Protein backbone atom coordinates (compact mmCIF):
# COMPACT_ATOMS: atom_id res chain seq x y z
CA MET A 1 202.51 19.19 -19.52
CA LEU A 2 199.85 16.64 -18.74
CA ARG A 3 197.60 15.51 -21.85
CA ALA A 4 194.27 16.63 -21.74
CA GLU A 5 192.35 13.36 -22.19
CA THR A 6 194.43 11.77 -19.38
CA VAL A 7 193.91 14.59 -17.31
CA GLN A 8 190.10 14.47 -17.70
CA ALA A 9 189.63 10.69 -17.31
CA ARG A 10 191.59 10.90 -13.97
CA MET A 11 189.87 13.83 -12.48
CA ALA A 12 186.43 12.38 -13.37
CA ARG A 13 183.98 12.63 -10.98
CA PRO A 14 183.79 9.47 -8.80
CA SER A 15 179.98 7.59 -8.69
CA GLU A 16 177.55 8.73 -6.37
CA ARG A 17 176.47 5.01 -5.53
CA ARG A 18 178.14 3.69 -2.77
CA THR A 19 177.04 1.18 -0.16
CA ALA A 20 177.08 1.41 3.60
CA ARG A 21 180.03 -0.86 3.68
CA GLN A 22 181.88 1.22 1.23
CA VAL A 23 181.03 4.33 3.66
CA VAL A 24 182.15 2.42 6.76
CA ARG A 25 185.41 1.33 4.98
CA GLY A 26 186.23 4.69 3.57
CA VAL A 27 185.76 5.86 7.07
CA VAL A 28 188.27 3.76 8.25
CA ARG A 29 190.88 4.36 5.33
CA ILE A 30 190.89 8.11 6.05
CA LEU A 31 191.89 7.78 9.20
CA ARG A 32 194.77 6.02 8.45
CA PRO A 33 195.40 3.89 11.49
CA HIS A 34 198.38 2.30 10.14
CA GLN A 35 199.87 5.55 10.30
CA TRP A 36 199.53 5.71 13.85
CA LEU A 37 202.75 4.60 14.30
CA LYS A 38 204.17 8.02 13.62
CA ASN A 39 202.48 8.72 16.99
CA VAL A 40 204.79 6.63 18.88
CA PHE A 41 207.17 9.80 19.15
CA VAL A 42 204.77 11.07 21.84
CA LEU A 43 205.86 8.24 24.01
CA ALA A 44 209.94 9.11 23.64
CA GLY A 45 209.59 11.52 26.68
CA LEU A 46 207.97 8.37 28.69
CA VAL A 47 210.80 6.27 28.19
CA PHE A 48 213.90 8.92 28.32
CA ALA A 49 212.70 10.35 31.42
CA HIS A 50 212.60 7.13 32.90
CA LYS A 51 208.63 7.47 33.49
CA PHE A 52 207.73 4.28 32.50
CA LEU A 53 207.72 2.52 35.56
CA GLN A 54 205.39 5.15 37.00
CA PRO A 55 201.77 4.38 36.40
CA GLN A 56 200.53 7.92 36.33
CA GLY A 57 203.19 8.47 33.90
CA VAL A 58 202.21 5.82 31.57
CA ALA A 59 198.51 6.87 31.93
CA ARG A 60 199.01 10.38 30.67
CA ALA A 61 201.55 9.59 28.06
CA GLY A 62 198.81 6.70 27.06
CA LEU A 63 196.19 9.44 26.49
CA ALA A 64 198.71 11.89 24.78
CA PHE A 65 199.51 9.01 22.35
CA GLY A 66 195.41 8.66 21.91
CA VAL A 67 194.64 12.26 21.61
CA PHE A 68 197.54 12.53 18.64
CA CYS A 69 195.82 10.09 16.91
CA LEU A 70 192.56 11.86 16.99
CA LEU A 71 194.92 15.11 15.52
CA SER A 72 196.55 13.30 12.90
CA SER A 73 193.83 11.50 11.33
CA ALA A 74 191.94 15.10 11.65
CA VAL A 75 195.09 16.48 9.69
CA TYR A 76 194.89 13.42 7.32
CA CYS A 77 191.13 14.02 6.40
CA LEU A 78 191.66 17.63 6.07
CA ASN A 79 194.75 17.00 3.64
CA ASP A 80 192.87 14.36 1.69
CA PHE A 81 189.67 17.21 1.46
CA VAL A 82 192.36 19.40 0.07
CA ASP A 83 194.21 17.26 -2.34
CA ARG A 84 191.29 15.29 -3.55
CA GLU A 85 191.70 16.84 -7.17
CA ARG A 86 195.20 16.48 -7.57
CA ASP A 87 194.99 12.69 -5.77
CA ARG A 88 193.52 11.81 -8.98
CA LEU A 89 196.86 12.14 -10.87
CA HIS A 90 198.59 9.84 -8.68
CA PRO A 91 198.87 5.78 -9.05
CA ARG A 92 198.65 4.97 -5.47
CA LYS A 93 196.79 8.29 -3.68
CA ARG A 94 193.92 8.47 -6.23
CA ASP A 95 192.37 5.13 -4.33
CA ARG A 96 192.25 7.22 -1.05
CA PRO A 97 188.24 7.72 0.21
CA LEU A 98 187.75 11.34 -1.54
CA ALA A 99 189.61 10.92 -4.29
CA SER A 100 188.26 7.37 -5.08
CA GLY A 101 184.50 8.66 -4.30
CA ALA A 102 184.03 6.24 -1.59
CA LEU A 103 183.24 9.38 0.85
CA ARG A 104 181.91 12.55 -0.33
CA PRO A 105 184.13 15.70 0.19
CA ALA A 106 181.75 17.15 2.74
CA GLU A 107 182.05 14.10 4.57
CA GLY A 108 185.47 14.29 5.10
CA LEU A 109 185.57 17.90 6.11
CA ALA A 110 183.54 16.86 8.89
CA LEU A 111 185.53 14.14 9.98
CA ALA A 112 188.18 16.50 10.31
CA VAL A 113 186.61 18.77 11.99
CA VAL A 114 184.81 16.50 14.78
CA LEU A 115 188.36 14.40 15.38
CA ALA A 116 190.18 17.92 15.63
CA GLY A 117 187.43 19.11 18.29
CA GLY A 118 187.57 15.79 20.36
CA GLY A 119 191.30 15.55 20.34
CA LEU A 120 191.32 19.25 21.65
CA LEU A 121 188.60 18.78 24.22
CA ALA A 122 190.70 15.57 25.32
CA ALA A 123 193.88 17.13 25.78
CA TRP A 124 192.81 19.62 27.99
CA ARG A 125 192.79 16.71 30.98
CA LEU A 126 197.07 16.94 30.37
CA GLY A 127 197.19 20.69 30.90
CA PRO A 128 197.54 24.00 29.17
CA ALA A 129 201.25 23.18 28.17
CA PHE A 130 199.70 20.24 25.92
CA VAL A 131 196.86 22.17 24.63
CA GLY A 132 199.12 24.59 23.49
CA VAL A 133 201.51 22.05 21.60
CA SER A 134 198.49 20.44 20.34
CA THR A 135 196.81 23.30 19.03
CA GLY A 136 200.35 24.28 17.26
CA TYR A 137 200.44 20.68 15.66
CA LEU A 138 196.98 21.46 14.09
CA ALA A 139 198.01 25.27 12.74
CA LEU A 140 201.27 23.88 11.54
CA ASN A 141 199.77 21.03 9.36
CA LEU A 142 196.58 23.38 8.36
CA ALA A 143 200.07 25.92 6.64
CA TYR A 144 201.03 22.60 5.48
CA SER A 145 197.97 21.74 3.81
CA PHE A 146 196.88 24.91 2.15
CA ALA A 147 200.64 26.27 1.47
CA LEU A 148 203.90 24.56 2.88
CA LYS A 149 203.47 21.19 0.53
CA HIS A 150 203.53 23.13 -2.29
CA VAL A 151 207.12 24.72 -1.35
CA PRO A 152 210.32 22.39 -2.15
CA LEU A 153 212.29 21.32 0.75
CA TRP A 154 209.45 23.51 3.07
CA ASP A 155 207.47 20.63 2.57
CA ALA A 156 209.21 18.05 3.67
CA LEU A 157 211.00 20.57 6.69
CA THR A 158 207.07 21.11 7.90
CA VAL A 159 206.51 17.54 8.00
CA SER A 160 209.70 16.98 10.18
CA ALA A 161 208.64 19.81 12.37
CA GLY A 162 205.47 18.03 13.21
CA PHE A 163 207.41 15.20 14.65
CA VAL A 164 209.28 17.26 16.70
CA LEU A 165 205.67 18.72 18.11
CA ARG A 166 204.49 15.28 18.97
CA ALA A 167 207.87 14.52 21.08
CA ILE A 168 207.14 18.21 22.80
CA ALA A 169 203.56 17.37 23.56
CA GLY A 170 204.74 13.54 24.95
CA THR A 171 207.11 15.87 27.59
CA ALA A 172 204.25 18.31 27.84
CA ALA A 173 201.75 15.64 29.12
CA LEU A 174 204.48 14.40 31.68
CA ALA A 175 205.51 17.82 33.04
CA ILE A 176 208.76 17.80 32.01
CA GLN A 177 211.47 19.50 29.80
CA PRO A 178 212.20 17.95 26.70
CA SER A 179 215.81 16.86 25.94
CA PRO A 180 217.43 19.25 23.33
CA TRP A 181 219.17 15.71 22.57
CA LEU A 182 215.45 14.21 21.93
CA LEU A 183 214.01 17.09 19.65
CA VAL A 184 217.33 17.29 17.30
CA CYS A 185 217.36 13.65 16.49
CA THR A 186 213.58 13.67 16.30
CA TYR A 187 213.88 16.47 13.85
CA LEU A 188 216.46 14.67 11.71
CA VAL A 189 215.29 10.86 11.37
CA ALA A 190 211.65 12.75 10.23
CA LEU A 191 213.71 14.52 7.84
CA TYR A 192 215.43 11.62 6.78
CA LEU A 193 212.22 9.44 6.24
CA SER A 194 210.75 12.47 4.62
CA LEU A 195 213.42 12.97 2.01
CA GLY A 196 213.06 8.95 1.29
CA LYS A 197 209.57 9.45 0.54
CA ARG A 198 210.36 12.38 -1.94
CA TRP A 199 213.51 10.62 -3.51
CA SER A 200 211.46 7.66 -4.42
CA ASP A 201 208.56 9.61 -6.01
CA ALA A 202 210.95 11.77 -8.37
CA VAL A 203 212.44 8.00 -9.16
CA ASN A 204 209.40 6.00 -9.49
CA LEU A 205 206.51 8.50 -10.84
CA THR A 206 206.29 9.95 -14.09
CA PRO A 207 206.06 13.47 -14.67
CA GLU A 208 202.47 13.15 -15.30
CA GLN A 209 202.13 11.65 -12.09
CA ARG A 210 204.25 13.80 -10.26
CA ALA A 211 202.13 16.53 -11.13
CA TYR A 212 200.10 15.95 -8.75
CA ARG A 213 201.85 18.01 -6.10
CA GLN A 214 203.71 21.12 -7.36
CA ALA A 215 206.88 20.60 -5.27
CA ALA A 216 206.78 17.21 -6.49
CA MET A 217 207.69 18.71 -9.98
CA VAL A 218 210.85 20.29 -8.80
CA TYR A 219 212.70 17.61 -7.24
CA ASP A 220 215.62 16.53 -9.11
CA PRO A 221 216.45 12.41 -7.66
CA ALA A 222 220.13 13.19 -7.53
CA LEU A 223 219.97 16.04 -5.33
CA VAL A 224 217.26 14.56 -3.05
CA ARG A 225 219.90 11.78 -2.24
CA ALA A 226 222.44 13.98 -1.16
CA PHE A 227 220.33 15.84 0.86
CA MET A 228 219.54 12.46 2.56
CA GLN A 229 223.08 11.43 2.81
CA VAL A 230 223.77 15.01 4.32
CA VAL A 231 220.77 14.28 7.08
CA MET A 232 222.04 10.54 7.73
CA GLY A 233 225.06 11.78 8.51
CA ALA A 234 223.85 14.72 10.62
CA THR A 235 221.37 12.07 12.52
CA LEU A 236 224.19 9.62 13.02
CA ILE A 237 226.58 12.40 14.69
CA SER A 238 223.73 13.90 16.64
CA TYR A 239 222.82 10.49 18.27
CA ALA A 240 226.67 9.69 18.78
CA LEU A 241 227.32 12.80 20.82
CA TYR A 242 224.10 11.95 22.85
CA ALA A 243 225.54 8.55 23.61
CA ILE A 244 228.90 10.03 24.63
CA GLN A 245 227.61 13.40 26.65
CA GLY A 246 223.91 12.63 27.64
CA PRO A 247 222.58 11.37 30.77
CA TYR A 248 223.87 7.66 30.21
CA ARG A 249 226.69 8.14 28.77
CA PRO A 250 228.86 5.92 27.70
CA TRP A 251 226.43 3.11 27.65
CA MET A 252 223.56 4.47 25.11
CA LEU A 253 226.52 3.60 22.55
CA LEU A 254 225.62 0.48 22.90
CA THR A 255 222.52 1.38 20.92
CA LEU A 256 224.40 2.91 17.98
CA PRO A 257 225.05 0.12 16.22
CA PHE A 258 221.00 -0.22 16.03
CA VAL A 259 220.74 3.52 14.43
CA ILE A 260 223.39 3.04 12.15
CA TYR A 261 221.78 -0.21 10.86
CA GLY A 262 218.69 1.26 10.71
CA LEU A 263 219.44 4.48 8.80
CA PHE A 264 221.36 2.38 6.51
CA HIS A 265 218.47 -0.43 5.98
CA TYR A 266 216.07 2.41 5.30
CA GLN A 267 218.35 3.66 2.33
CA HIS A 268 218.40 0.30 1.02
CA MET A 269 214.89 -0.29 1.10
CA VAL A 270 214.31 3.16 -1.03
CA GLU A 271 216.72 2.56 -3.30
CA THR A 272 216.16 -1.31 -4.43
CA ARG A 273 212.33 -1.56 -3.36
CA ALA A 274 211.04 1.59 -3.97
CA LEU A 275 209.21 1.65 -0.52
CA GLY A 276 209.94 5.36 0.15
CA GLY A 277 206.98 6.52 -0.88
CA ALA A 278 204.99 4.86 2.07
CA PRO A 279 207.76 4.54 4.79
CA GLU A 280 205.36 3.18 7.30
CA THR A 281 204.53 0.29 4.98
CA ALA A 282 208.37 -0.34 4.33
CA ILE A 283 208.88 -0.71 7.68
CA PHE A 284 206.20 -3.09 8.26
CA GLN A 285 206.64 -5.41 5.75
CA ASP A 286 210.64 -5.59 6.64
CA ARG A 287 211.65 -8.50 9.07
CA ALA A 288 215.28 -7.10 9.57
CA PHE A 289 213.98 -3.65 10.09
CA LEU A 290 211.62 -4.46 13.26
CA LEU A 291 213.99 -6.89 14.48
CA ASN A 292 216.68 -4.18 14.63
CA GLY A 293 214.00 -1.68 16.04
CA LEU A 294 212.90 -4.42 18.66
CA GLY A 295 217.01 -4.87 19.56
CA PHE A 296 217.41 -1.00 20.09
CA VAL A 297 214.23 -1.00 22.11
CA LEU A 298 215.93 -3.59 24.63
CA VAL A 299 218.87 -2.49 25.02
CA ALA A 300 217.84 1.19 25.54
CA VAL A 301 215.50 0.08 28.14
CA ALA A 302 217.97 -2.51 29.84
CA ILE A 303 220.25 0.57 30.20
CA LEU A 304 217.40 2.73 31.61
CA LEU A 305 216.60 -0.06 34.21
CA ALA A 306 220.25 -0.99 35.12
CA LEU A 307 221.45 3.12 35.56
CA GLY A 308 218.14 4.50 37.08
CA PRO A 309 216.80 7.55 36.98
CA ARG A 310 219.58 10.54 36.09
């Protein structure tokens, strides 16, 4: 049980006195541009459908990426609005703009509405199918923000589904069918990263700090670690089957070592550096991880160029 004086101190209302610079910085921070890296899954269809040499395909995929940057920032604003009180209990999240008082709650909610509306308006340029997927992404995250984030396991499963919708949106923008392999591998990789974040919270936060979210109180570190190992194995098997049976077989097997290294190295980072709570930060701060990702991209693109469309 939380100590009353600690809760009262951390939940105290932030100061109303703000400078214009603080407001601008708050707006930039609540948009979380560093999280836009997650929207790279929108571009997966562009690459694996061999559309990256077509100017129109690149333009449509670029617009889809931009739309999901708007939509994902709208989700972050809404999530911060809903969680602003609980975030003040978390050692890192209490510095978020709404929790710290850099922005007022009404401002965060207004940003969410404007960004979501602008993103959906821009989505119409890519057709009704893309609009439908974009709307589904927003609906999924509404359910997550208000309910599913508090349900153990379903919180991680829902986050992973958001990545799958990103990949589907990228194929909808290009009017192509999504590959089942693409969707399965995307879901499993996202689930693995999401579980890593929850394992890190379970290990590195005190019970008092974990009280910021009901589901976080339930996770047992040993059990979550076991889940991660199961998902890692499923990811490797799924990608290996894609490399063996997919349209670019067997040459895609050349990329398998990069996938193995990436998963193993992320597990190492999560367990030894306590960076699993912020996977995007862990990735950008680790040179070996970045070089491995670059190697994967170069080898995969070389195979696609050499073999041509399939």
